[in-house]
């Protein structure tokens, strides 16, 4: 923490290259045992450190498919000498389908059942060290700043929900950080769409459209950025024909990232966030796993996490920054859940909904969607269970009452 009392916000940005150069690695998402053959775009761990002078929050986003809560807590434990109360360190993934398998699910399989973890442990150790370095450097880079909030409703044709046509959240939220000279220090971007534009046949490492978006912002402003995925589940994806060839997919992925970047830069209707004490609530709890698939994958050694009596440790996070609130869910929220959360946090001017926050427990449908096993059979089969959705909605009620 900075100390110095309540004067104003300070923030710092940093990024570390987490690209697995020179190694063939199982890629996360799509089919099993999809090995990388090269690098198309670098991938990063990106961090923004924000403090009010007394309290801080450190938000980190990695261009990987998912990070388990145990891994997040390992990083926190190793940063205890550097940071007070490391529960304020929040580590997320973009759910990138063009990066390494950091969960284990996409290794070798027999009859579509994973039998060998796809995790490269040497890479995970490198990833951990890079995240820690990004965390420390972001705090070293802090400056006095002002923060502006904005949003755009993107053209609906840019993305699609292939499970339930048209049902998605087209709102892109962002924060713009300005230093005392009025120069842009960085951006925080929040949008819900799977980073999977290059699709299943691609074997080149890439950050997909979020990486293109942040590169666009950096090239046009000189400022770094951090991207957090919103309610992207079930199944919000770039609007590309499924049988499109790779060249067309790459072109559209670049177009999507640059289009989102240009929409951010062209949005002039921004409002300054008035200074107020920074509030962060970390709700850690034990969750009952309803899906036997999780338990089988644990027994097979595919998922390296602690499950005792069908209970698993995870967390939910809330951040209040002026009249902006962030909600962080430990998995892939479906749009229905995103809309429910935003409605329950309606007193706030802007609600940033962050999926894959400090954990990846699969899809998070609404309680009602768990009853529609025809339409959402796949999402239910890849979820921790209905109890997570109920816990999230209960936590939203509680935290909203505390921080409003």
Foldseek 3Di string as FASTA:
>chain_A
DQAPDQDAKKKFKFKDFLAPPPDWAFFDDDAAALTADAADATWIWMWMWMARNPDIAIEIETLGQADALVLVVVLLVVCVVPDDPSVSYKYFYQNARQGHDNFFQRYDDDPSHDQGGRDDVVSSVVVSVRNNVRRNVGVVGMAGWWKKKDKDQDPQLFKAQPLDGPQAGSIKIKMWIAHPVRATAEMEIEEAARQALLHDVHNHHDSFLQVLQQVLLCVVRVYGYHYFHFQCPNHMYGNDPPPDDNVVSVVSRNVSSNVVNVVVVPDPPIDIQDADHKDKDKAKDKDQQPACSVVVCVVSVSGPADADPNIGIDIWMWIDGRLEIETEAQAREHRVLVVLLCVLLVSGPYYRGGYSMSHHQAYAYALVVVVVCPSCVPRCNSGRDNRSNVVSSVVSNVVSVVPD
